[in-house]
Amino acid sequence: MNRRRVDTGVGGLVAAVLIVGGVLGWQAYQQQQAFEEMGSMMGTSMGAVHGTNPLWYVLGTLLVSAVIGGGYLVVRDDLTGTDRIDRSQDERANRTSSEVTESPEEVTNPESQPHARVLDLLPDDERRVLEPVISSPGITQIELRDRSGFSKSKVSQTVSGLEKRGLLYRERQGRTYRIYPSDDLQQSQR
């Protein structure tokens, strides 16, 4: 699942609960005020006649919103599958540290892993787009959007920027594109 979509959905649900609770609380407050005004005109107390105290609506709304929001935050990582991303970042860090300990010659020789050097120099968003392209040449832009977790426009803009810099190229396929790493980047991968 896309974390941004789930966050938006839960945020919308909490906002809807707050709005409905606010409306119900406001209506109860107006009803209470009307009964008190009516009672003052009649010279008696109408306190026993009016409905639920508006404070209960406010407290109930806040409680329900807190339970929904807090419950979601507790299970958010399980729902959106972010530990897959975290695991891949941990694996990349472990792989990098093991490469450093195994052969210091490779670290001092930048030509030994130029694609890794290129990826290390890129910002995180560009790296998240370029890594799947390198591991799966010919990936469609739609698959890339799903793997990176970015919006359609973010993937398109990032791919265009990487294409202008010569790190990848696109081939039209129907209504989408197939994306391939540039020949230089592919050569450096071998």
C-alpha atoms as a PDB file:
ATOM      1  CA  MET A   1       0.000   0.000   0.000  1.00  0.00           C
ATOM      2  CA  ASN A   2       1.075   3.528  -0.625  1.00  0.00           C
ATOM      3  CA  ARG A   3       1.838   5.199   2.704  1.00  0.00           C
ATOM      4  CA  ARG A   4       0.814   8.635   1.468  1.00  0.00           C
ATOM      5  CA  ARG A   5      -2.622   7.380   0.382  1.00  0.00           C
ATOM      6  CA  VAL A   6      -3.225   5.582   3.666  1.00  0.00           C
ATOM      7  CA  ASP A   7      -2.091   8.643   5.644  1.00  0.00           C
ATOM      8  CA  THR A   8      -4.464  10.811   3.614  1.00  0.00           C
ATOM      9  CA  GLY A   9      -7.354   8.396   4.119  1.00  0.00           C
ATOM     10  CA  VAL A  10      -6.876   8.173   7.880  1.00  0.00           C
ATOM     11  CA  GLY A  11      -6.387  11.942   8.096  1.00  0.00           C
ATOM     12  CA  GLY A  12      -9.639  12.405   6.199  1.00  0.00           C
ATOM     13  CA  LEU A  13     -11.413  10.021   8.547  1.00  0.00           C
ATOM     14  CA  VAL A  14     -10.152  11.884  11.629  1.00  0.00           C
ATOM     15  CA  ALA A  15     -11.136  15.209  10.033  1.00  0.00           C
ATOM     16  CA  ALA A  16     -14.618  13.843   9.260  1.00  0.00           C
ATOM     17  CA  VAL A  17     -15.032  12.670  12.872  1.00  0.00           C
ATOM     18  CA  LEU A  18     -13.951  16.099  14.127  1.00  0.00           C
ATOM     19  CA  ILE A  19     -16.341  17.892  11.761  1.00  0.00           C
ATOM     20  CA  VAL A  20     -19.321  15.657  12.596  1.00  0.00           C
ATOM     21  CA  GLY A  21     -18.567  15.923  16.323  1.00  0.00           C
ATOM     22  CA  GLY A  22     -18.243  19.690  16.029  1.00  0.00           C
ATOM     23  CA  VAL A  23     -21.566  19.970  14.217  1.00  0.00           C
ATOM     24  CA  LEU A  24     -23.344  17.744  16.756  1.00  0.00           C
ATOM     25  CA  GLY A  25     -21.776  19.670  19.640  1.00  0.00           C
ATOM     26  CA  TRP A  26     -22.802  22.993  18.103  1.00  0.00           C
ATOM     27  CA  GLN A  27     -26.375  21.788  17.587  1.00  0.00           C
ATOM     28  CA  ALA A  28     -26.555  20.567  21.203  1.00  0.00           C
ATOM     29  CA  TYR A  29     -25.176  23.905  22.399  1.00  0.00           C
ATOM     30  CA  GLN A  30     -27.785  25.841  20.383  1.00  0.00           C
ATOM     31  CA  GLN A  31     -30.535  23.573  21.702  1.00  0.00           C
ATOM     32  CA  GLN A  32     -29.330  24.119  25.265  1.00  0.00           C
ATOM     33  CA  GLN A  33     -29.271  27.886  24.752  1.00  0.00           C
ATOM     34  CA  ALA A  34     -32.782  27.826  23.270  1.00  0.00           C
ATOM     35  CA  PHE A  35     -34.143  25.859  26.253  1.00  0.00           C
ATOM     36  CA  GLU A  36     -32.454  28.209  28.727  1.00  0.00           C
ATOM     37  CA  GLU A  37     -33.910  31.234  26.908  1.00  0.00           C
ATOM     38  CA  MET A  38     -37.331  29.623  26.855  1.00  0.00           C
ATOM     39  CA  GLY A  39     -37.056  28.862  30.561  1.00  0.00           C
ATOM     40  CA  SER A  40     -36.105  32.449  31.389  1.00  0.00           C
ATOM     41  CA  MET A  41     -39.147  33.717  29.477  1.00  0.00           C
ATOM     42  CA  MET A  42     -41.430  31.361  31.364  1.00  0.00           C
ATOM     43  CA  GLY A  43     -39.776  32.033  34.694  1.00  0.00           C
ATOM     44  CA  THR A  44     -38.923  28.390  35.281  1.00  0.00           C
ATOM     45  CA  SER A  45     -35.907  26.230  34.803  1.00  0.00           C
ATOM     46  CA  MET A  46     -35.910  24.049  31.683  1.00  0.00           C
ATOM     47  CA  GLY A  47     -32.625  22.349  32.613  1.00  0.00           C
ATOM     48  CA  ALA A  48     -34.215  18.925  32.998  1.00  0.00           C
ATOM     49  CA  VAL A  49     -35.860  19.085  29.556  1.00  0.00           C
ATOM     50  CA  HIS A  50     -32.922  19.779  27.236  1.00  0.00           C
ATOM     51  CA  GLY A  51     -30.866  17.033  25.552  1.00  0.00           C
ATOM     52  CA  THR A  52     -27.281  15.901  25.923  1.00  0.00           C
ATOM     53  CA  ASN A  53     -24.753  18.348  27.298  1.00  0.00           C
ATOM     54  CA  PRO A  54     -22.577  19.687  24.432  1.00  0.00           C
ATOM     55  CA  LEU A  55     -19.471  18.938  26.470  1.00  0.00           C
ATOM     56  CA  TRP A  56     -20.130  15.201  26.008  1.00  0.00           C
ATOM     57  CA  TYR A  57     -20.102  15.649  22.221  1.00  0.00           C
ATOM     58  CA  VAL A  58     -16.772  17.495  22.412  1.00  0.00           C
ATOM     59  CA  LEU A  59     -15.187  14.900  24.691  1.00  0.00           C
ATOM     60  CA  GLY A  60     -16.561  12.005  22.626  1.00  0.00           C
ATOM     61  CA  THR A  61     -15.282  13.559  19.401  1.00  0.00           C
ATOM     62  CA  LEU A  62     -11.818  14.060  20.826  1.00  0.00           C
ATOM     63  CA  LEU A  63     -11.752  10.527  22.220  1.00  0.00           C
ATOM     64  CA  VAL A  64     -12.833   8.906  18.943  1.00  0.00           C
ATOM     65  CA  SER A  65     -10.335  11.011  16.959  1.00  0.00           C
ATOM     66  CA  ALA A  66      -7.530  10.103  19.371  1.00  0.00           C
ATOM     67  CA  VAL A  67      -8.378   6.398  19.184  1.00  0.00           C
ATOM     68  CA  ILE A  68      -8.464   6.404  15.365  1.00  0.00           C
ATOM     69  CA  GLY A  69      -5.305   8.496  14.968  1.00  0.00           C
ATOM     70  CA  GLY A  70      -3.372   6.740  17.738  1.00  0.00           C
ATOM     71  CA  GLY A  71      -4.465   3.297  16.602  1.00  0.00           C
ATOM     72  CA  TYR A  72      -3.367   4.063  13.067  1.00  0.00           C
ATOM     73  CA  LEU A  73       0.032   5.343  14.194  1.00  0.00           C
ATOM     74  CA  VAL A  74       0.578   2.113  16.129  1.00  0.00           C
ATOM     75  CA  VAL A  75      -0.132  -0.117  13.091  1.00  0.00           C
ATOM     76  CA  ARG A  76       1.046   2.313  10.381  1.00  0.00           C
ATOM     77  CA  ASP A  77       4.322   0.558   9.600  1.00  0.00           C
ATOM     78  CA  ASP A  78       2.617  -2.838   9.377  1.00  0.00           C
ATOM     79  CA  LEU A  79      -0.081  -1.513   7.039  1.00  0.00           C
ATOM     80  CA  THR A  80       2.161   0.418   4.683  1.00  0.00           C
ATOM     81  CA  GLY A  81       5.084  -2.012   4.599  1.00  0.00           C
ATOM     82  CA  THR A  82       7.796   0.543   5.318  1.00  0.00           C
ATOM     83  CA  ASP A  83      10.111  -1.951   6.954  1.00  0.00           C
ATOM     84  CA  ARG A  84      10.729  -3.344   3.476  1.00  0.00           C
ATOM     85  CA  ILE A  85      12.201   0.027   2.567  1.00  0.00           C
ATOM     86  CA  ASP A  86      14.055   0.210   5.877  1.00  0.00           C
ATOM     87  CA  ARG A  87      15.361  -3.325   5.391  1.00  0.00           C
ATOM     88  CA  SER A  88      16.644  -2.537   1.907  1.00  0.00           C
ATOM     89  CA  GLN A  89      18.390   0.556   3.266  1.00  0.00           C
ATOM     90  CA  ASP A  90      19.889  -1.521   6.094  1.00  0.00           C
ATOM     91  CA  GLU A  91      21.031  -4.166   3.605  1.00  0.00           C
ATOM     92  CA  ARG A  92      22.601  -1.476   1.441  1.00  0.00           C
ATOM     93  CA  ALA A  93      24.402  -0.035   4.493  1.00  0.00           C
ATOM     94  CA  ASN A  94      25.577  -3.507   5.553  1.00  0.00           C
ATOM     95  CA  ARG A  95      26.698  -4.307   2.020  1.00  0.00           C
ATOM     96  CA  THR A  96      28.622  -1.043   1.853  1.00  0.00           C
ATOM     97  CA  SER A  97      30.292  -1.618   5.233  1.00  0.00           C
ATOM     98  CA  SER A  98      31.192  -5.213   4.332  1.00  0.00           C
ATOM     99  CA  GLU A  99      32.677  -4.059   1.039  1.00  0.00           C
ATOM    100  CA  VAL A 100      34.812  -1.587   2.963  1.00  0.00           C
ATOM    101  CA  THR A 101      36.092  -4.265   5.342  1.00  0.00           C
ATOM    102  CA  GLU A 102      36.674  -6.867   2.636  1.00  0.00           C
ATOM    103  CA  SER A 103      38.877  -4.897   0.278  1.00  0.00           C
ATOM    104  CA  PRO A 104      40.115  -1.398   0.977  1.00  0.00           C
ATOM    105  CA  GLU A 105      41.571  -1.333  -2.549  1.00  0.00           C
ATOM    106  CA  GLU A 106      38.063  -1.101  -3.989  1.00  0.00           C
ATOM    107  CA  VAL A 107      37.298   1.895  -1.809  1.00  0.00           C
ATOM    108  CA  THR A 108      40.409   3.738  -2.906  1.00  0.00           C
ATOM    109  CA  ASN A 109      39.782   2.836  -6.547  1.00  0.00           C
ATOM    110  CA  PRO A 110      36.589   4.654  -7.592  1.00  0.00           C
ATOM    111  CA  GLU A 111      36.554   2.842 -10.931  1.00  0.00           C
ATOM    112  CA  SER A 112      35.840  -0.479  -9.226  1.00  0.00           C
ATOM    113  CA  GLN A 113      32.177   0.447  -8.557  1.00  0.00           C
ATOM    114  CA  PRO A 114      31.254   3.563 -10.505  1.00  0.00           C
ATOM    115  CA  HIS A 115      27.481   2.853 -10.433  1.00  0.00           C
ATOM    116  CA  ALA A 116      27.548   2.672  -6.637  1.00  0.00           C
ATOM    117  CA  ARG A 117      29.479   5.931  -6.588  1.00  0.00           C
ATOM    118  CA  VAL A 118      26.861   7.543  -8.858  1.00  0.00           C
ATOM    119  CA  LEU A 119      24.035   6.322  -6.629  1.00  0.00           C
ATOM    120  CA  ASP A 120      25.807   7.629  -3.519  1.00  0.00           C
ATOM    121  CA  LEU A 121      26.066  11.078  -5.070  1.00  0.00           C
ATOM    122  CA  LEU A 122      22.371  11.277  -5.966  1.00  0.00           C
ATOM    123  CA  PRO A 123      19.680  12.695  -3.685  1.00  0.00           C
ATOM    124  CA  ASP A 124      17.443  10.118  -1.998  1.00  0.00           C
ATOM    125  CA  ASP A 125      14.466  10.640  -4.328  1.00  0.00           C
ATOM    126  CA  GLU A 126      16.571  10.164  -7.463  1.00  0.00           C
ATOM    127  CA  ARG A 127      18.271   7.119  -5.916  1.00  0.00           C
ATOM    128  CA  ARG A 128      14.867   5.579  -5.120  1.00  0.00           C
ATOM    129  CA  VAL A 129      13.929   5.955  -8.774  1.00  0.00           C
ATOM    130  CA  LEU A 130      17.244   4.868 -10.302  1.00  0.00           C
ATOM    131  CA  GLU A 131      17.883   1.749  -8.178  1.00  0.00           C
ATOM    132  CA  PRO A 132      14.852  -0.188  -9.513  1.00  0.00           C
ATOM    133  CA  VAL A 133      15.775   0.859 -13.068  1.00  0.00           C
ATOM    134  CA  ILE A 134      19.266  -0.588 -12.625  1.00  0.00           C
ATOM    135  CA  SER A 135      18.000  -3.791 -10.994  1.00  0.00           C
ATOM    136  CA  SER A 136      15.117  -4.250 -13.488  1.00  0.00           C
ATOM    137  CA  PRO A 137      15.986  -2.661 -16.853  1.00  0.00           C
ATOM    138  CA  GLY A 138      12.873  -2.037 -18.916  1.00  0.00           C
ATOM    139  CA  ILE A 139      10.677  -1.363 -15.903  1.00  0.00           C
ATOM    140  CA  THR A 140       7.557   0.609 -16.763  1.00  0.00           C
ATOM    141  CA  GLN A 141       6.978   4.020 -15.290  1.00  0.00           C
ATOM    142  CA  ILE A 142       3.857   2.662 -13.542  1.00  0.00           C
ATOM    143  CA  GLU A 143       5.847  -0.149 -11.859  1.00  0.00           C
ATOM    144  CA  LEU A 144       8.494   2.392 -10.912  1.00  0.00           C
ATOM    145  CA  ARG A 145       5.840   4.573  -9.267  1.00  0.00           C
ATOM    146  CA  ASP A 146       4.660   1.588  -7.215  1.00  0.00           C
ATOM    147  CA  ARG A 147       8.175   0.574  -6.156  1.00  0.00           C
ATOM    148  CA  SER A 148       9.352   4.066  -5.230  1.00  0.00           C
ATOM    149  CA  GLY A 149       6.157   5.103  -3.441  1.00  0.00           C
ATOM    150  CA  PHE A 150       6.175   8.457  -5.239  1.00  0.00           C
ATOM    151  CA  SER A 151       3.261  10.105  -7.011  1.00  0.00           C
ATOM    152  CA  LYS A 152       2.873   9.844 -10.775  1.00  0.00           C
ATOM    153  CA  SER A 153       4.080  13.422 -11.302  1.00  0.00           C
ATOM    154  CA  LYS A 154       7.084  13.009  -8.955  1.00  0.00           C
ATOM    155  CA  VAL A 155       8.246   9.906 -10.821  1.00  0.00           C
ATOM    156  CA  SER A 156       7.771  11.647 -14.174  1.00  0.00           C
ATOM    157  CA  GLN A 157       9.727  14.736 -13.098  1.00  0.00           C
ATOM    158  CA  THR A 158      12.519  12.690 -11.523  1.00  0.00           C
ATOM    159  CA  VAL A 159      12.835  10.407 -14.557  1.00  0.00           C
ATOM    160  CA  SER A 160      12.922  13.443 -16.867  1.00  0.00           C
ATOM    161  CA  GLY A 161      15.699  15.009 -14.796  1.00  0.00           C
ATOM    162  CA  LEU A 162      17.738  11.791 -14.773  1.00  0.00           C
ATOM    163  CA  GLU A 163      17.174  11.399 -18.514  1.00  0.00           C
ATOM    164  CA  LYS A 164      18.439  14.945 -19.179  1.00  0.00           C
ATOM    165  CA  ARG A 165      21.585  14.130 -17.203  1.00  0.00           C
ATOM    166  CA  GLY A 166      22.123  10.969 -19.272  1.00  0.00           C
ATOM    167  CA  LEU A 167      21.660   8.435 -16.466  1.00  0.00           C
ATOM    168  CA  LEU A 168      18.706   6.660 -18.083  1.00  0.00           C
ATOM    169  CA  TYR A 169      16.510   6.709 -21.166  1.00  0.00           C
ATOM    170  CA  ARG A 170      12.849   6.003 -21.906  1.00  0.00           C
ATOM    171  CA  GLU A 171      11.060   4.193 -24.698  1.00  0.00           C
ATOM    172  CA  ARG A 172       7.375   4.827 -25.306  1.00  0.00           C
ATOM    173  CA  GLN A 173       5.122   1.800 -24.816  1.00  0.00           C
ATOM    174  CA  GLY A 174       1.452   2.558 -25.287  1.00  0.00           C
ATOM    175  CA  ARG A 175       0.409   5.131 -22.707  1.00  0.00           C
ATOM    176  CA  THR A 176       3.497   4.676 -20.526  1.00  0.00           C
ATOM    177  CA  TYR A 177       7.259   4.389 -20.882  1.00  0.00           C
ATOM    178  CA  ARG A 178       9.773   1.614 -20.369  1.00  0.00           C
ATOM    179  CA  ILE A 179      12.814   2.946 -18.576  1.00  0.00           C
ATOM    180  CA  TYR A 180      16.359   1.670 -19.046  1.00  0.00           C
ATOM    181  CA  PRO A 181      19.665   2.676 -17.467  1.00  0.00           C
ATOM    182  CA  SER A 182      22.012   4.521 -19.810  1.00  0.00           C
ATOM    183  CA  ASP A 183      24.657   2.480 -21.611  1.00  0.00           C
ATOM    184  CA  ASP A 184      27.403   4.082 -19.510  1.00  0.00           C
ATOM    185  CA  LEU A 185      25.630   3.235 -16.282  1.00  0.00           C
ATOM    186  CA  GLN A 186      24.944  -0.311 -17.474  1.00  0.00           C
ATOM    187  CA  GLN A 187      28.604  -0.777 -18.471  1.00  0.00           C
ATOM    188  CA  SER A 188      29.755   0.468 -15.077  1.00  0.00           C
ATOM    189  CA  GLN A 189      27.430  -2.014 -13.393  1.00  0.00           C
ATOM    190  CA  ARG A 190      29.266  -5.002 -14.882  1.00  0.00           C
END
